[in-house]
Amino acid sequence: MDLPLVVGTDGSPDALRAVDWAADEAARRGCRLRVLYASLWAGQEESACTPAGSRRARRASAAQAVAGVAEGRARSRHPEVAVTADVCDEDPVYALIDASRDAAAVIVGSRGHGLPGILLGSVSLTVAARARCPVFVVRRGAPATSDERWVVVGLAGPGTTTAAVDFAFAEAALRGWGVEVVHAWTRPRRESATVRTGDFGKTRLFHEQQATDWMDKALARPTALHPDVPVRRIAVECRPRPALLQAASHAELLVVGARRRRDPLVLQLGPVNHAMLHYAPCTVAVVPAEGRES
């Protein structure tokens, strides 16, 4: 069975932008779109003097209205896409993570009806960290300055999974874009002493060659599967965060991999992914490194 895309909404401008983006993505993939509004906290500001039955009725009506607007927006944007809308009386984080078990991807806006001025809402961050499928955190981004469009993907160190790279190539192929693969590497600290021994250049060449060999290996499968996708390879001696932020400045989509941890008390996203979700100017896709969890 083909899995749908799931888009979370709360009626905010960022959420409606995510609905538009999700409708476009569903049209590209030829799949269903499920609009989900989790309304647990909606209407909590109502007076306690309001009868409970009246509060529940108002909340239900308001929730259906929010979901209905998003559903109608998606339908009008792409009439060919099968769109459904669901309302659940649940915390948005739990609702979206639960929905991710049976979704091709989850799409959320960068911020909802939360605190003004923050770069990324807590719902978006937590869903990106814990969802069982890829998560797109949608940002407006800067308008394209040329006809070339690029998906940037971060390639981690040798021997790590290439799920994010595979995902980036598939997304680029759907859109007719190119893929820019960024692999940032650094030399071990113990090699800093080679500056005094005169072997600094030799060790740098060794690590450069390692980085190139690993990139060739990681790209062998996706380039064979998508031979028409333009590819740019960047292997740079640098920390991952500045390298990826620099590349994201001219990207339409940034793809990063994330290793899901079983321990709920452990930080689910590393510092690099946190930085990308907070500061990358484009839409960010977070791809579980081990693929879909059972």
Protein backbone atom coordinates (compact mmCIF):
# COMPACT_ATOMS: atom_id res chain seq x y z
CA MET A 1 0.00 0.00 0.00
CA ASP A 2 1.30 3.45 -0.91
CA LEU A 3 1.83 5.56 2.18
CA PRO A 4 0.47 9.12 2.30
CA LEU A 5 2.25 12.31 3.14
CA VAL A 6 1.11 13.78 6.45
CA VAL A 7 1.11 17.53 7.01
CA GLY A 8 0.49 19.09 10.39
CA THR A 9 -1.49 22.30 10.61
CA ASP A 10 -2.70 24.69 13.27
CA GLY A 11 -3.99 27.44 11.00
CA SER A 12 -0.91 29.64 11.38
CA PRO A 13 0.74 31.22 8.31
CA ASP A 14 3.75 28.89 8.59
CA ALA A 15 1.47 25.86 8.84
CA LEU A 16 -0.53 26.92 5.79
CA ARG A 17 2.72 27.40 3.89
CA ALA A 18 3.59 23.83 4.87
CA VAL A 19 0.20 22.67 3.54
CA ASP A 20 0.97 24.30 0.17
CA TRP A 21 4.40 22.68 0.12
CA ALA A 22 2.93 19.30 1.06
CA ALA A 23 0.31 19.51 -1.70
CA ASP A 24 3.05 20.22 -4.24
CA GLU A 25 5.07 17.28 -2.93
CA ALA A 26 2.07 14.93 -3.05
CA ALA A 27 1.41 15.97 -6.65
CA ARG A 28 5.02 15.21 -7.59
CA ARG A 29 4.94 11.83 -5.92
CA GLY A 30 1.43 10.95 -7.06
CA CYS A 31 0.43 10.01 -3.52
CA ARG A 32 -2.29 10.84 -1.03
CA LEU A 33 -2.11 13.77 1.39
CA ARG A 34 -3.40 13.63 4.95
CA VAL A 35 -3.94 16.92 6.76
CA LEU A 36 -3.74 16.51 10.54
CA TYR A 37 -4.80 18.99 13.19
CA ALA A 38 -4.16 18.00 16.80
CA SER A 39 -6.41 20.26 18.86
CA LEU A 40 -5.63 19.32 22.45
CA TRP A 41 -4.48 22.83 23.43
CA ALA A 42 -6.87 24.76 21.19
CA GLY A 43 -9.33 26.96 23.04
CA GLN A 44 -7.62 26.64 26.42
CA GLU A 45 -7.83 30.38 26.85
CA GLU A 46 -11.63 30.26 27.17
CA SER A 47 -13.11 31.34 30.48
CA ALA A 48 -13.59 28.65 33.08
CA CYS A 49 -17.11 30.05 33.55
CA THR A 50 -18.10 28.75 30.12
CA PRO A 51 -20.05 25.49 30.47
CA ALA A 52 -17.93 22.42 29.69
CA GLY A 53 -20.32 21.21 27.00
CA SER A 54 -20.23 24.56 25.28
CA ARG A 55 -16.42 24.66 25.42
CA ARG A 56 -16.16 21.20 23.85
CA ALA A 57 -18.59 22.14 21.09
CA ARG A 58 -16.71 25.35 20.31
CA ARG A 59 -13.38 23.56 20.30
CA ALA A 60 -14.69 20.85 17.99
CA SER A 61 -16.18 23.40 15.62
CA ALA A 62 -13.03 25.52 15.58
CA ALA A 63 -10.84 22.47 15.03
CA GLN A 64 -12.93 21.26 12.11
CA ALA A 65 -12.76 24.76 10.63
CA VAL A 66 -8.94 24.84 10.84
CA ALA A 67 -8.63 21.41 9.26
CA GLY A 68 -11.24 22.26 6.63
CA VAL A 69 -9.41 25.40 5.54
CA ALA A 70 -6.16 23.47 5.14
CA GLU A 71 -7.89 20.64 3.27
CA GLY A 72 -9.63 23.06 0.92
CA ARG A 73 -6.38 24.92 0.31
CA ALA A 74 -4.60 21.70 -0.68
CA ARG A 75 -7.48 20.57 -2.91
CA SER A 76 -7.66 23.88 -4.76
CA ARG A 77 -3.90 23.91 -5.27
CA HIS A 78 -3.81 20.37 -6.70
CA PRO A 79 -7.27 18.98 -7.51
CA GLU A 80 -5.70 15.73 -8.71
CA VAL A 81 -4.35 14.90 -5.25
CA ALA A 82 -6.51 12.81 -2.91
CA VAL A 83 -6.71 14.88 0.29
CA THR A 84 -8.19 13.90 3.65
CA ALA A 85 -8.33 15.89 6.88
CA ASP A 86 -8.36 14.54 10.41
CA VAL A 87 -8.81 16.20 13.78
CA CYS A 88 -7.66 14.54 16.98
CA ASP A 89 -7.89 15.72 20.58
CA GLU A 90 -4.24 15.03 21.29
CA ASP A 91 -0.92 16.78 21.80
CA PRO A 92 0.43 17.79 18.35
CA VAL A 93 3.83 16.17 18.95
CA TYR A 94 2.38 12.80 19.89
CA ALA A 95 -0.21 12.93 17.12
CA LEU A 96 2.36 13.63 14.40
CA ILE A 97 4.88 11.09 15.70
CA ASP A 98 2.13 8.46 15.82
CA ALA A 99 1.06 9.39 12.28
CA SER A 100 4.66 9.05 11.10
CA ARG A 101 4.44 5.26 11.58
CA ASP A 102 2.23 5.05 8.50
CA ALA A 103 3.50 7.98 6.43
CA ALA A 104 5.93 8.39 3.56
CA ALA A 105 6.99 11.67 5.19
CA VAL A 106 5.72 14.25 7.67
CA ILE A 107 5.64 17.93 6.75
CA VAL A 108 5.52 20.72 9.33
CA GLY A 109 6.00 24.46 9.31
CA SER A 110 8.98 25.96 11.05
CA ARG A 111 6.77 27.74 13.58
CA GLY A 112 3.14 27.58 14.62
CA HIS A 113 1.05 29.56 17.08
CA GLY A 114 3.92 29.64 19.55
CA LEU A 115 6.20 32.27 21.00
CA PRO A 116 6.91 35.12 18.57
CA GLY A 117 10.47 35.65 17.45
CA ILE A 118 11.71 32.07 17.81
CA LEU A 119 13.40 30.46 14.82
CA LEU A 120 11.91 27.00 15.21
CA GLY A 121 8.86 25.83 17.13
CA SER A 122 9.09 23.09 19.75
CA VAL A 123 6.60 20.89 17.89
CA SER A 124 8.62 21.03 14.68
CA LEU A 125 11.88 20.33 16.48
CA THR A 126 10.54 17.38 18.48
CA VAL A 127 8.77 15.81 15.52
CA ALA A 128 11.92 16.13 13.41
CA ALA A 129 13.85 14.44 16.20
CA ARG A 130 11.51 11.53 16.87
CA ALA A 131 9.39 10.78 13.79
CA ARG A 132 9.66 7.29 12.28
CA CYS A 133 9.90 8.62 8.71
CA PRO A 134 11.56 11.58 6.98
CA VAL A 135 10.38 15.00 8.19
CA PHE A 136 10.32 18.18 6.11
CA VAL A 137 10.49 21.42 8.10
CA VAL A 138 9.26 24.02 5.62
CA ARG A 139 10.67 27.51 5.40
CA ARG A 140 9.84 30.22 2.93
CA GLY A 141 13.46 30.50 1.79
CA ALA A 142 14.92 33.07 -0.56
CA PRO A 143 13.64 33.24 -4.14
CA ALA A 144 15.78 31.39 -6.67
CA THR A 145 18.30 33.64 -8.40
CA SER A 146 18.87 31.33 -11.38
CA ASP A 147 17.21 28.51 -13.28
CA GLU A 148 19.39 25.98 -11.47
CA ARG A 149 17.92 24.47 -8.32
CA TRP A 150 19.88 22.36 -5.87
CA VAL A 151 19.25 19.88 -3.11
CA VAL A 152 22.16 20.02 -0.65
CA VAL A 153 22.87 16.90 1.39
CA GLY A 154 25.35 16.40 4.18
CA LEU A 155 27.46 13.26 3.93
CA ALA A 156 28.75 12.06 7.30
CA GLY A 157 32.05 10.28 7.89
CA PRO A 158 33.26 7.06 6.24
CA GLY A 159 31.29 3.95 7.07
CA THR A 160 28.08 5.75 8.09
CA THR A 161 24.72 5.15 6.44
CA THR A 162 23.92 6.92 3.17
CA ALA A 163 20.13 7.02 3.66
CA ALA A 164 20.11 10.82 3.49
CA VAL A 165 22.09 10.80 0.24
CA ASP A 166 19.71 8.29 -1.34
CA PHE A 167 16.77 10.41 -0.23
CA ALA A 168 18.31 13.60 -1.60
CA PHE A 169 18.83 12.07 -5.03
CA ALA A 170 15.26 10.77 -5.14
CA GLU A 171 13.90 14.21 -4.24
CA ALA A 172 16.11 15.93 -6.81
CA ALA A 173 15.00 13.47 -9.51
CA LEU A 174 11.35 14.24 -8.76
CA ARG A 175 11.96 17.95 -9.20
CA GLY A 176 14.49 17.98 -12.02
CA TRP A 177 17.08 19.59 -9.72
CA GLY A 178 20.71 18.86 -9.01
CA VAL A 179 22.34 17.47 -5.87
CA GLU A 180 25.24 19.10 -4.07
CA VAL A 181 26.93 16.63 -1.73
CA VAL A 182 28.88 18.22 1.11
CA HIS A 183 31.36 16.15 3.10
CA ALA A 184 33.19 18.13 5.77
CA TRP A 185 36.20 16.44 7.30
CA THR A 186 38.77 17.29 9.93
CA ARG A 187 42.10 15.79 10.87
CA PRO A 188 42.49 14.11 14.26
CA ARG A 189 43.80 16.48 16.90
CA ARG A 190 46.88 14.36 17.45
CA GLU A 191 48.05 15.27 13.96
CA SER A 192 48.40 18.94 14.85
CA ALA A 193 51.95 18.12 15.94
CA THR A 194 52.85 17.37 12.33
CA VAL A 195 53.04 21.11 11.69
CA ARG A 196 56.35 21.08 13.60
CA THR A 197 57.65 17.90 11.95
CA GLY A 198 57.12 19.05 8.39
CA ASP A 199 54.61 16.29 7.50
CA PHE A 200 51.57 18.56 7.60
CA GLY A 201 51.04 18.53 3.85
CA LYS A 202 51.34 14.75 3.61
CA THR A 203 48.70 14.10 6.26
CA ARG A 204 46.36 16.58 4.62
CA LEU A 205 46.68 14.82 1.26
CA PHE A 206 46.03 11.49 2.95
CA HIS A 207 42.78 12.70 4.53
CA GLU A 208 41.70 14.46 1.35
CA GLN A 209 42.09 11.20 -0.53
CA GLN A 210 40.14 9.34 2.15
CA ALA A 211 37.32 11.88 1.87
CA THR A 212 37.26 11.59 -1.93
CA ASP A 213 37.26 7.79 -1.83
CA TRP A 214 34.41 7.75 0.68
CA MET A 215 32.37 10.18 -1.39
CA ASP A 216 32.87 8.05 -4.51
CA LYS A 217 31.68 4.98 -2.62
CA ALA A 218 28.68 6.73 -1.07
CA LEU A 219 27.53 8.17 -4.40
CA ALA A 220 27.98 5.03 -6.50
CA ARG A 221 24.44 3.72 -5.99
CA PRO A 222 22.38 6.95 -6.16
CA THR A 223 24.22 8.24 -9.22
CA ALA A 224 23.63 4.91 -10.97
CA LEU A 225 19.92 5.02 -10.06
CA HIS A 226 19.56 8.67 -11.12
CA PRO A 227 22.02 9.23 -13.99
CA ASP A 228 20.23 12.38 -15.17
CA VAL A 229 20.61 14.24 -11.86
CA PRO A 230 23.44 16.81 -11.96
CA VAL A 231 25.92 16.32 -9.12
CA ARG A 232 28.32 18.69 -7.39
CA ARG A 233 30.77 17.19 -4.92
CA ILE A 234 32.31 19.26 -2.14
CA ALA A 235 34.83 17.68 0.21
CA VAL A 236 36.23 20.36 2.47
CA GLU A 237 38.42 20.46 5.56
CA CYS A 238 35.98 22.17 7.86
CA ARG A 239 33.49 21.58 10.63
CA PRO A 240 30.12 20.30 9.31
CA ARG A 241 28.04 23.18 10.66
CA PRO A 242 29.62 26.10 8.74
CA ALA A 243 30.09 23.96 5.63
CA LEU A 244 26.41 22.99 5.49
CA LEU A 245 25.11 26.45 6.36
CA GLN A 246 27.23 27.92 3.58
CA ALA A 247 25.86 25.39 1.09
CA ALA A 248 22.29 25.86 2.33
CA SER A 249 22.48 29.58 1.53
CA HIS A 250 21.95 28.77 -2.18
CA ALA A 251 19.84 25.59 -1.79
CA GLU A 252 16.13 24.95 -2.19
CA LEU A 253 16.27 21.93 0.12
CA LEU A 254 18.79 20.73 2.69
CA VAL A 255 18.84 17.02 3.61
CA VAL A 256 20.50 15.70 6.76
CA GLY A 257 20.58 12.26 8.30
CA ALA A 258 19.60 11.56 11.91
CA ARG A 259 20.26 8.50 14.01
CA ARG A 260 17.20 7.67 16.09
CA ARG A 261 18.13 6.74 19.65
CA ARG A 262 16.10 4.27 21.66
CA ASP A 263 16.62 6.02 24.99
CA PRO A 264 13.95 8.76 25.31
CA LEU A 265 16.15 10.64 27.80
CA VAL A 266 19.02 11.00 25.31
CA LEU A 267 19.26 14.00 22.97
CA GLN A 268 17.73 12.77 19.73
CA LEU A 269 19.42 15.17 17.33
CA GLY A 270 23.08 16.12 17.36
CA PRO A 271 24.35 19.72 17.42
CA VAL A 272 24.80 19.87 13.64
CA ASN A 273 21.19 18.91 12.93
CA HIS A 274 19.97 21.31 15.60
CA ALA A 275 21.91 24.10 13.92
CA MET A 276 20.50 23.24 10.50
CA LEU A 277 16.92 23.20 11.76
CA HIS A 278 17.34 26.53 13.51
CA TYR A 279 19.49 28.46 11.07
CA ALA A 280 19.32 26.98 7.55
CA PRO A 281 17.45 29.47 5.34
CA CYS A 282 15.78 26.76 3.24
CA THR A 283 13.45 23.83 3.89
CA VAL A 284 15.21 21.04 5.81
CA ALA A 285 14.54 17.31 5.47
CA VAL A 286 15.60 15.12 8.39
CA VAL A 287 15.99 11.50 7.29
CA PRO A 288 16.28 8.65 9.82
CA ALA A 289 19.70 7.15 9.26
CA GLU A 290 18.54 3.58 9.64
CA GLY A 291 15.47 4.11 7.50
CA ARG A 292 11.91 3.40 8.67
CA GLU A 293 11.74 1.88 12.11
CA SER A 294 9.56 -1.12 12.78
